[in-house]
Amino acid sequence: MISAPPSLHITARDVDLPGGLVALLPHLNPSGTWIRGGEGMIGLGIAASTTATGQGRFDSLSVFWDSLIESRAAGESGHGPVALVSVAFSKDSESASQLLVPEVLIRREGGKTTLLLITDRPEPDAQVLDRHGLWLEPTGGLRATHPAPAADLSEARLLPGIQSERQYLSAIAAGLSAIHDGTVDKLVLARDVLVTAEAPVPIGTLLSRLATEYPQTWTYCVGAGPGVPQTLLGATPEMLVRLRGTQLSSRVLAGTIDRAQRTSTLVRDAKQHREHDLAVTSLLEQLRPITDTLQSPTEPSVLQLPNVYHLASDISGKLAADSSGRLPSPLKVAEAAHPTAAVCGTPTTTAADLIAQLEGMDRGPYAGPVGWMDAEGNADFGIALRGGVFEDDVTPAGGRRLRIFAGCGVVAGSEPESELAETKVKLKPMLWALGLDP
C-alpha cells in the first residue's frame, strides 16, 4: 500500500546509554532492530511506513523512500531519516514487504550513541520519549522508565509446520532428482515449525537473548507495532549487501556442519565446497552489472557460530554510477543481489519455481532482504535467516503464534537425512531464545 509520505521533523543529539543497546532491549517493544557486537540501532514506534507486494515491490518501496527524503524537514540537526526494511522472498508472496521509519531511533556506532526523534509534526522531545518508555536525564543519560516485562514461556509449544519431517525428506528427494536430471545445479529447500505461546512474548527480551548469545550475527526485527501486518525477527549470519558511499561488501555463507563436528570436516568436504562455490558465483554474476569492481577470496574461510560452522566468503567492490553520475539506490542493489544461490539455488528462475512446488508454503519475508538504509545511500541488507514471523493470531490471553524457518542447500551428493538434521541445527537459535528444546 503506497501512500503520500508525510513531511518529517527530525531532531538529533548524542546521549549516554549505560549498559548499551542490548541491555536496553528487554525494556522496550521495538518496531525495528539491527544489532551486531553491541552496535547498531533500535527503532521505536512508526513515523512513516508503507508496504508493497509483487514483482515491483522493490521499486514501490524505493519510490516512497525517495519521496520521503525529498519532503523531509530535517531541522537544525542535519540528520536525515533512517528506514528499516523487510522484503518478501518471492514476487508471488502474499506477504507484504515493509518499509518503516521509526519515531525514535537509538543508534550506536564506534562507541558513540545518537538519539534521533522523527515525527510527522513538531512535538516536545520528552513527550515523544515518554510515549516509548524512555527518559532523557539532564546529564544526557538515556534510560528506560519501566522494568522489563516478565517472559512467561512455560506454556509455549512446538508444533509441526506446513510439512511433516517425512514430507520434507520427500521434497529433498525430489530436489535431488531434479539435480540428477540436470534441471538445476543447486536447490535450497526450507521448512517451518510453529511455536504457540499462551502468554504474550516480549519481543525486546527475545531479541536481547539472540543478540547476547549470537553477537557475531546481525540481530534484526522489522514490523513490531500497532497496525503492522507482521513482525519479522531473528539473528542472521549472512550479509547480502553493505553499502557505504560507493563501497559495497557482502558475506556469502553456504556449506554448514554442526559444531559437534571438526572444522577440518567442513574444509575437506567437496560437497560443501560445491554448494558454497555456486552461491559465490551467483552473487558475483548478479552484482557485476551494477559495479565497477568486484573481488572475492580464492578460498572460503570458516565462520564459527555457537551452533554451527559455515564456509564464508567476504566479497567487496565499488558501485558503478550511471551516465548522470548517480549511484544505484540501496533497494536497487538489494534487488540485483536477491536471491543468491545461498537461499534459492541455480539457475535462479528454475530453482525458484521448484521451491514453490516442493516446499508447499509461502516463505513470506524469510530468506528475503532485511536491514536498514539512510538518506545518504548507506545501507545494510542481510538475509532474513535464523528467524521467524509472528503471525496475526492472538490468543484470548494475548499469546502469539511464531512461525520459524530453516533451510538447506541441496546439491549432488546431498543426503536427505543429513539435510533435515541441518535444518534442526539452524532452528536452534530461535527455539533456544524461546526457552524450547529443539
Protein backbone atom coordinates (compact mmCIF):
# COMPACT_ATOMS: atom_id res chain seq x y z
CA MET A 1 0.00 0.00 0.00
CA ILE A 2 1.70 3.18 -1.20
CA SER A 3 0.51 6.49 0.23
CA ALA A 4 1.85 10.02 0.18
CA PRO A 5 4.70 10.28 2.69
CA PRO A 6 4.48 12.83 5.49
CA SER A 7 6.93 15.67 5.96
CA LEU A 8 9.14 14.56 8.82
CA HIS A 9 10.58 16.69 11.61
CA ILE A 10 13.91 15.36 12.89
CA THR A 11 15.96 16.24 15.95
CA ALA A 12 19.19 14.54 16.98
CA ARG A 13 21.51 14.56 19.96
CA ASP A 14 24.33 12.50 21.40
CA VAL A 15 23.36 10.61 24.54
CA ASP A 16 24.91 8.34 27.14
CA LEU A 17 23.50 4.81 27.13
CA PRO A 18 24.50 2.92 30.28
CA GLY A 19 24.62 -0.79 29.55
CA GLY A 20 24.35 -0.35 25.78
CA LEU A 21 21.68 -1.33 23.25
CA VAL A 22 21.33 -4.97 24.22
CA ALA A 23 20.70 -4.21 27.89
CA LEU A 24 18.01 -1.70 26.93
CA LEU A 25 16.11 -4.08 24.63
CA PRO A 26 14.15 -6.06 27.26
CA HIS A 27 12.52 -2.83 28.49
CA LEU A 28 11.23 -1.90 25.03
CA ASN A 29 8.84 -3.01 22.30
CA PRO A 30 10.97 -2.28 19.21
CA SER A 31 9.48 -1.59 15.82
CA GLY A 32 12.90 -2.48 14.39
CA THR A 33 16.41 -3.53 15.37
CA TRP A 34 19.73 -4.13 13.68
CA ILE A 35 22.46 -5.04 16.18
CA ARG A 36 25.80 -6.81 15.90
CA GLY A 37 28.52 -6.89 18.53
CA GLY A 38 26.63 -4.39 20.69
CA GLU A 39 26.42 -1.75 17.95
CA GLY A 40 23.64 -0.87 15.51
CA MET A 41 20.19 0.55 16.14
CA ILE A 42 16.86 0.18 17.91
CA GLY A 43 13.73 1.73 16.42
CA LEU A 44 10.57 2.53 18.40
CA GLY A 45 7.18 3.43 17.02
CA ILE A 46 6.46 4.39 13.43
CA ALA A 47 6.68 7.90 11.98
CA ALA A 48 6.08 6.80 8.39
CA SER A 49 5.59 3.47 6.67
CA THR A 50 4.48 1.72 3.54
CA THR A 51 4.02 -1.81 2.22
CA ALA A 52 4.30 -3.37 -1.22
CA THR A 53 3.76 -6.70 -2.95
CA GLY A 54 4.52 -8.35 -6.27
CA GLN A 55 7.26 -8.03 -8.84
CA GLY A 56 7.56 -4.29 -8.32
CA ARG A 57 7.87 -4.42 -4.52
CA PHE A 58 11.46 -3.09 -4.52
CA ASP A 59 10.52 -0.20 -6.83
CA SER A 60 7.40 0.68 -4.83
CA LEU A 61 9.32 0.88 -1.57
CA SER A 62 12.04 2.91 -3.29
CA VAL A 63 9.54 5.43 -4.70
CA PHE A 64 8.05 6.00 -1.24
CA TRP A 65 11.51 6.38 0.30
CA ASP A 66 12.70 8.85 -2.35
CA SER A 67 9.57 10.97 -1.83
CA LEU A 68 10.05 10.86 1.91
CA ILE A 69 13.63 12.10 1.67
CA GLU A 70 12.63 14.93 -0.65
CA SER A 71 9.77 16.08 1.59
CA ARG A 72 11.51 15.86 4.97
CA ALA A 73 12.01 18.85 7.20
CA ALA A 74 15.40 17.95 8.63
CA GLY A 75 15.65 20.90 11.03
CA GLU A 76 18.87 22.08 12.56
CA SER A 77 20.33 18.62 13.17
CA GLY A 78 21.05 17.98 9.52
CA HIS A 79 20.22 14.32 10.05
CA GLY A 80 18.03 12.53 7.55
CA PRO A 81 15.62 9.71 8.35
CA VAL A 82 16.58 6.04 8.62
CA ALA A 83 14.31 3.31 7.27
CA LEU A 84 14.05 -0.29 8.42
CA VAL A 85 13.14 -2.63 5.59
CA SER A 86 11.97 -6.21 5.06
CA VAL A 87 11.31 -7.55 1.55
CA ALA A 88 9.39 -10.74 0.79
CA PHE A 89 11.46 -13.56 -0.72
CA SER A 90 9.19 -14.11 -3.72
CA LYS A 91 7.33 -11.78 -6.07
CA ASP A 92 4.39 -14.18 -5.72
CA SER A 93 4.27 -13.96 -1.93
CA GLU A 94 1.05 -12.85 -0.27
CA SER A 95 3.20 -11.39 2.50
CA ALA A 96 3.74 -7.64 2.30
CA SER A 97 7.21 -6.14 2.04
CA GLN A 98 7.65 -3.36 4.60
CA LEU A 99 9.47 -0.06 4.94
CA LEU A 100 9.11 1.87 8.17
CA VAL A 101 10.75 4.95 9.62
CA PRO A 102 10.79 4.70 13.43
CA GLU A 103 9.66 7.62 15.56
CA VAL A 104 12.60 7.09 17.90
CA LEU A 105 15.93 5.72 16.68
CA ILE A 106 18.74 4.89 19.13
CA ARG A 107 21.90 4.34 17.09
CA ARG A 108 25.27 3.24 18.46
CA GLU A 109 28.35 3.29 16.25
CA GLY A 110 32.03 3.44 17.19
CA GLY A 111 31.11 3.63 20.86
CA LYS A 112 29.01 6.77 20.28
CA THR A 113 25.23 6.78 20.79
CA THR A 114 22.94 9.13 18.85
CA LEU A 115 19.25 9.66 19.56
CA LEU A 116 17.05 10.57 16.58
CA LEU A 117 13.46 11.71 17.10
CA ILE A 118 11.47 11.59 13.88
CA THR A 119 7.87 12.83 13.92
CA ASP A 120 5.30 13.95 11.39
CA ARG A 121 4.63 17.11 13.42
CA PRO A 122 6.60 19.27 15.88
CA GLU A 123 6.41 17.77 19.37
CA PRO A 124 8.39 18.13 22.64
CA ASP A 125 11.20 15.58 22.84
CA ALA A 126 10.21 14.48 26.35
CA GLN A 127 6.69 13.73 25.18
CA VAL A 128 7.92 11.54 22.32
CA LEU A 129 10.33 9.64 24.57
CA ASP A 130 7.73 9.11 27.30
CA ARG A 131 5.41 7.55 24.74
CA HIS A 132 8.00 4.82 24.23
CA GLY A 133 9.03 4.30 27.85
CA LEU A 134 12.22 6.37 27.77
CA TRP A 135 13.58 9.25 29.82
CA LEU A 136 16.46 11.57 28.99
CA GLU A 137 18.29 12.71 32.11
CA PRO A 138 19.56 16.31 32.39
CA THR A 139 23.10 14.89 32.23
CA GLY A 140 22.35 13.24 28.85
CA GLY A 141 21.78 9.67 30.03
CA LEU A 142 19.03 7.74 28.23
CA ARG A 143 17.11 5.32 30.46
CA ALA A 144 14.03 3.11 30.34
CA THR A 145 11.18 4.25 32.57
CA HIS A 146 9.67 0.79 33.07
CA PRO A 147 11.11 -2.54 34.24
CA ALA A 148 11.48 -5.31 31.72
CA PRO A 149 8.26 -7.38 31.48
CA ALA A 150 8.40 -10.99 32.62
CA ALA A 151 8.76 -13.54 29.84
CA ASP A 152 6.45 -16.43 30.72
CA LEU A 153 7.04 -19.05 28.07
CA SER A 154 6.12 -22.01 30.26
CA GLU A 155 3.08 -22.73 28.08
CA ALA A 156 4.93 -22.38 24.77
CA ARG A 157 4.50 -25.39 22.50
CA LEU A 158 6.46 -26.55 19.47
CA LEU A 159 4.25 -27.88 16.65
CA PRO A 160 4.91 -29.22 13.13
CA GLY A 161 4.84 -26.72 10.30
CA ILE A 162 3.33 -26.94 6.83
CA GLN A 163 5.23 -30.15 6.09
CA SER A 164 5.99 -33.06 8.37
CA GLU A 165 9.59 -34.23 8.55
CA ARG A 166 8.68 -37.15 6.27
CA GLN A 167 7.19 -34.78 3.70
CA TYR A 168 10.28 -32.60 3.89
CA LEU A 169 12.52 -35.61 3.24
CA SER A 170 10.38 -36.38 0.17
CA ALA A 171 10.81 -32.82 -1.05
CA ILE A 172 14.59 -33.14 -0.75
CA ALA A 173 14.49 -36.44 -2.65
CA ALA A 174 12.51 -34.73 -5.42
CA GLY A 175 15.07 -31.93 -5.47
CA LEU A 176 17.89 -34.43 -5.84
CA SER A 177 16.07 -36.00 -8.79
CA ALA A 178 15.91 -32.56 -10.44
CA ILE A 179 19.65 -32.16 -9.87
CA HIS A 180 20.44 -35.58 -11.29
CA ASP A 181 18.26 -34.78 -14.33
CA GLY A 182 20.22 -31.56 -14.91
CA THR A 183 17.22 -29.31 -14.26
CA VAL A 184 19.12 -27.40 -11.54
CA ASP A 185 22.63 -27.45 -10.12
CA LYS A 186 21.56 -26.49 -6.60
CA LEU A 187 18.25 -26.14 -4.80
CA VAL A 188 17.65 -24.60 -1.38
CA LEU A 189 14.65 -26.10 0.37
CA ALA A 190 13.19 -24.70 3.58
CA ARG A 191 10.70 -25.90 6.13
CA ASP A 192 8.93 -24.30 9.06
CA VAL A 193 7.86 -25.14 12.60
CA LEU A 194 5.20 -23.41 14.66
CA VAL A 195 5.53 -22.13 18.20
CA THR A 196 2.40 -21.18 20.10
CA ALA A 197 2.52 -19.23 23.35
CA GLU A 198 -0.47 -18.68 25.62
CA ALA A 199 1.11 -15.64 27.26
CA PRO A 200 2.47 -12.55 25.45
CA VAL A 201 6.04 -12.91 24.17
CA PRO A 202 8.13 -9.80 24.95
CA ILE A 203 9.86 -9.15 21.64
CA GLY A 204 12.55 -6.98 23.24
CA THR A 205 13.55 -9.82 25.56
CA LEU A 206 13.63 -12.31 22.69
CA LEU A 207 15.89 -10.01 20.67
CA SER A 208 18.15 -9.38 23.67
CA ARG A 209 18.67 -13.12 24.12
CA LEU A 210 19.60 -13.55 20.46
CA ALA A 211 21.99 -10.57 20.48
CA THR A 212 23.68 -11.83 23.64
CA GLU A 213 24.11 -15.45 22.56
CA TYR A 214 24.95 -14.75 18.89
CA PRO A 215 26.97 -11.48 18.90
CA GLN A 216 28.68 -12.37 15.57
CA THR A 217 25.32 -12.26 13.77
CA TRP A 218 23.02 -9.34 12.95
CA THR A 219 20.00 -9.39 15.28
CA TYR A 220 17.12 -7.97 13.28
CA CYS A 221 13.49 -7.04 13.72
CA VAL A 222 11.09 -5.19 11.42
CA GLY A 223 7.45 -4.52 11.99
CA ALA A 224 6.50 -4.67 15.67
CA GLY A 225 3.79 -2.15 16.39
CA PRO A 226 0.06 -1.40 16.11
CA GLY A 227 -1.37 -1.78 12.63
CA VAL A 228 1.72 -3.57 11.28
CA PRO A 229 0.85 -6.70 9.25
CA GLN A 230 3.62 -8.89 10.64
CA THR A 231 6.72 -8.90 12.80
CA LEU A 232 9.89 -10.45 11.40
CA LEU A 233 12.81 -11.14 13.73
CA GLY A 234 15.91 -13.29 14.06
CA ALA A 235 19.71 -13.32 14.07
CA THR A 236 21.25 -13.70 10.63
CA PRO A 237 24.91 -14.54 9.96
CA GLU A 238 24.68 -13.54 6.28
CA MET A 239 25.10 -10.05 4.79
CA LEU A 240 23.50 -9.67 1.36
CA VAL A 241 24.89 -6.17 0.66
CA ARG A 242 26.51 -3.50 2.82
CA LEU A 243 26.79 -0.05 1.23
CA ARG A 244 28.96 2.85 2.37
CA GLY A 245 29.13 5.51 -0.32
CA THR A 246 30.49 3.81 -3.42
CA GLN A 247 31.83 0.82 -1.48
CA LEU A 248 29.93 -2.46 -1.48
CA SER A 249 30.58 -5.59 0.55
CA SER A 250 28.81 -8.90 1.08
CA ARG A 251 29.24 -12.06 3.15
CA VAL A 252 28.26 -15.31 1.45
CA LEU A 253 27.58 -18.35 3.61
CA ALA A 254 26.94 -21.81 2.19
CA GLY A 255 28.21 -25.11 3.46
CA THR A 256 27.28 -25.96 7.04
CA ILE A 257 28.11 -28.52 9.71
CA ASP A 258 27.12 -28.92 13.35
CA ARG A 259 29.61 -27.68 15.96
CA ALA A 260 29.84 -31.28 17.18
CA GLN A 261 32.00 -32.00 14.10
CA ARG A 262 35.54 -30.81 13.42
CA THR A 263 36.17 -27.79 11.20
CA SER A 264 38.50 -29.95 9.10
CA THR A 265 35.43 -31.95 8.08
CA LEU A 266 33.93 -28.81 6.53
CA VAL A 267 37.20 -27.69 4.92
CA ARG A 268 37.74 -31.05 3.19
CA ASP A 269 34.14 -31.75 2.14
CA ALA A 270 33.81 -31.44 -1.65
CA LYS A 271 30.01 -31.34 -1.47
CA GLN A 272 30.09 -28.37 0.96
CA HIS A 273 32.60 -26.51 -1.24
CA ARG A 274 30.47 -27.14 -4.33
CA GLU A 275 27.44 -25.66 -2.56
CA HIS A 276 29.49 -22.65 -1.43
CA ASP A 277 31.08 -22.01 -4.85
CA LEU A 278 27.66 -21.91 -6.52
CA ALA A 279 26.46 -19.30 -4.02
CA VAL A 280 29.53 -17.09 -4.53
CA THR A 281 29.33 -17.36 -8.32
CA SER A 282 25.65 -16.42 -8.40
CA LEU A 283 26.18 -13.30 -6.28
CA LEU A 284 29.13 -12.14 -8.38
CA GLU A 285 27.12 -12.58 -11.58
CA GLN A 286 24.18 -10.65 -10.19
CA LEU A 287 26.28 -7.74 -8.90
CA ARG A 288 28.57 -7.26 -11.92
CA PRO A 289 26.07 -5.14 -13.94
CA ILE A 290 25.91 -2.51 -11.18
CA THR A 291 29.57 -2.48 -10.08
CA ASP A 292 32.87 -1.24 -11.47
CA THR A 293 34.97 -3.71 -9.48
CA LEU A 294 34.36 -6.91 -7.51
CA GLN A 295 36.79 -9.01 -5.51
CA SER A 296 36.25 -12.37 -3.85
CA PRO A 297 38.69 -14.66 -1.99
CA THR A 298 40.11 -17.68 -3.79
CA GLU A 299 39.20 -19.91 -0.84
CA PRO A 300 36.45 -19.53 1.78
CA SER A 301 37.15 -19.14 5.48
CA VAL A 302 35.30 -20.91 8.30
CA LEU A 303 32.82 -18.87 10.33
CA GLN A 304 32.30 -20.27 13.83
CA LEU A 305 28.94 -19.67 15.47
CA PRO A 306 27.73 -21.15 18.76
CA ASN A 307 25.70 -23.85 16.99
CA VAL A 308 27.29 -24.32 13.53
CA TYR A 309 30.35 -23.86 11.33
CA HIS A 310 29.86 -22.19 7.92
CA LEU A 311 32.05 -21.76 4.88
CA ALA A 312 32.20 -17.98 4.37
CA SER A 313 33.44 -15.65 1.62
CA ASP A 314 33.61 -11.88 2.06
CA ILE A 315 33.15 -10.06 -1.26
CA SER A 316 33.93 -6.38 -1.83
CA GLY A 317 33.57 -3.97 -4.71
CA LYS A 318 32.74 -0.50 -5.96
CA LEU A 319 29.34 0.58 -7.26
CA ALA A 320 29.10 1.86 -10.85
CA ALA A 321 27.48 5.24 -11.47
CA ASP A 322 25.08 5.79 -14.37
CA SER A 323 25.62 8.31 -17.18
CA SER A 324 24.43 11.15 -14.92
CA GLY A 325 26.85 10.14 -12.17
CA ARG A 326 24.17 8.71 -9.91
CA LEU A 327 24.78 5.53 -7.93
CA PRO A 328 22.12 2.81 -7.79
CA SER A 329 19.82 3.15 -4.79
CA PRO A 330 20.21 0.72 -1.87
CA LEU A 331 16.96 -1.07 -2.75
CA LYS A 332 18.09 -1.40 -6.37
CA VAL A 333 21.33 -3.02 -5.21
CA ALA A 334 19.44 -5.36 -2.89
CA GLU A 335 17.11 -6.31 -5.74
CA ALA A 336 20.07 -7.07 -8.01
CA ALA A 337 21.66 -9.31 -5.37
CA HIS A 338 18.48 -11.18 -4.37
CA PRO A 339 18.08 -14.12 -4.38
CA THR A 340 21.51 -15.72 -4.38
CA ALA A 341 22.08 -19.43 -4.73
CA ALA A 342 22.67 -19.49 -0.97
CA VAL A 343 18.90 -19.19 -0.36
CA CYS A 344 17.36 -20.16 -3.70
CA GLY A 345 19.55 -22.27 -5.96
CA THR A 346 20.79 -22.10 -9.50
CA PRO A 347 19.67 -21.43 -12.21
CA THR A 348 17.66 -18.93 -10.18
CA THR A 349 14.32 -18.91 -12.04
CA THR A 350 14.13 -22.69 -12.33
CA ALA A 351 15.15 -23.16 -8.69
CA ALA A 352 12.54 -20.63 -7.52
CA ASP A 353 9.82 -22.48 -9.46
CA LEU A 354 10.85 -25.77 -7.86
CA ILE A 355 10.86 -24.18 -4.40
CA ALA A 356 7.25 -23.08 -4.90
CA GLN A 357 6.31 -26.62 -5.94
CA LEU A 358 8.21 -28.61 -3.32
CA GLU A 359 8.07 -26.51 -0.13
CA GLY A 360 4.29 -26.17 -0.14
CA MET A 361 4.42 -22.83 1.71
CA ASP A 362 4.79 -19.10 1.25
CA ARG A 363 8.19 -18.12 2.64
CA GLY A 364 6.97 -14.58 3.24
CA PRO A 365 9.95 -12.45 4.33
CA TYR A 366 12.07 -15.49 5.24
CA ALA A 367 15.29 -15.50 3.17
CA GLY A 368 14.45 -12.06 1.77
CA PRO A 369 16.49 -8.86 2.27
CA VAL A 370 16.20 -7.28 5.72
CA GLY A 371 18.02 -4.30 7.19
CA TRP A 372 18.19 -0.53 7.05
CA MET A 373 19.09 2.40 4.81
CA ASP A 374 19.63 6.11 5.36
CA ALA A 375 19.11 9.27 3.35
CA GLU A 376 22.76 9.32 2.21
CA GLY A 377 22.53 5.95 0.44
CA ASN A 378 24.27 3.92 3.13
CA ALA A 379 22.64 0.58 3.94
CA ASP A 380 22.94 -2.87 5.45
CA PHE A 381 20.77 -5.58 3.96
CA GLY A 382 21.19 -9.00 5.47
CA ILE A 383 19.32 -12.14 4.50
CA ALA A 384 16.44 -12.94 6.86
CA LEU A 385 17.70 -16.28 8.17
CA ARG A 386 17.69 -17.96 11.61
CA GLY A 387 14.42 -16.24 12.34
CA GLY A 388 10.67 -16.29 12.18
CA VAL A 389 7.47 -14.32 11.77
CA PHE A 390 4.89 -13.53 14.44
CA GLU A 391 1.51 -14.19 12.90
CA ASP A 392 -1.63 -12.14 13.46
CA ASP A 393 -3.36 -14.85 15.51
CA VAL A 394 -3.60 -13.79 19.16
CA THR A 395 -5.00 -15.93 21.97
CA PRO A 396 -7.57 -14.50 24.44
CA ALA A 397 -4.72 -14.12 26.94
CA GLY A 398 -2.58 -12.16 24.48
CA GLY A 399 -0.41 -15.08 23.32
CA ARG A 400 1.05 -15.27 19.83
CA ARG A 401 1.97 -17.72 17.10
CA LEU A 402 5.50 -17.63 15.74
CA ARG A 403 6.42 -19.45 12.53
CA ILE A 404 10.16 -20.26 12.43
CA PHE A 405 12.03 -21.20 9.25
CA ALA A 406 15.21 -23.05 8.32
CA GLY A 407 16.58 -24.39 5.03
CA CYS A 408 19.41 -26.37 3.49
CA GLY A 409 21.28 -26.35 0.20
CA VAL A 410 20.73 -29.48 -1.86
CA VAL A 411 23.41 -30.41 -4.41
CA ALA A 412 24.65 -33.63 -5.96
CA GLY A 413 25.79 -35.84 -3.09
CA SER A 414 23.33 -34.44 -0.56
CA GLU A 415 21.68 -36.95 1.76
CA PRO A 416 18.08 -36.17 2.81
CA GLU A 417 18.51 -37.22 6.45
CA SER A 418 21.65 -35.09 6.81
CA GLU A 419 19.89 -32.08 5.29
CA LEU A 420 16.95 -32.50 7.68
CA ALA A 421 19.42 -32.63 10.56
CA GLU A 422 20.99 -29.38 9.30
CA THR A 423 17.63 -27.59 9.46
CA LYS A 424 17.22 -28.73 13.07
CA VAL A 425 20.56 -27.16 13.95
CA LYS A 426 19.54 -23.92 12.22
CA LEU A 427 16.26 -23.79 14.15
CA LYS A 428 18.13 -23.85 17.46
CA PRO A 429 18.81 -20.10 17.87
CA MET A 430 15.15 -19.11 17.81
CA LEU A 431 13.95 -22.11 19.80
CA TRP A 432 16.67 -21.53 22.41
CA ALA A 433 15.63 -17.86 22.73
CA LEU A 434 12.06 -19.06 23.32
CA GLY A 435 13.20 -21.47 26.00
CA LEU A 436 12.29 -24.54 23.95
CA ASP A 437 14.28 -27.72 23.44
CA PRO A 438 14.50 -28.35 19.68
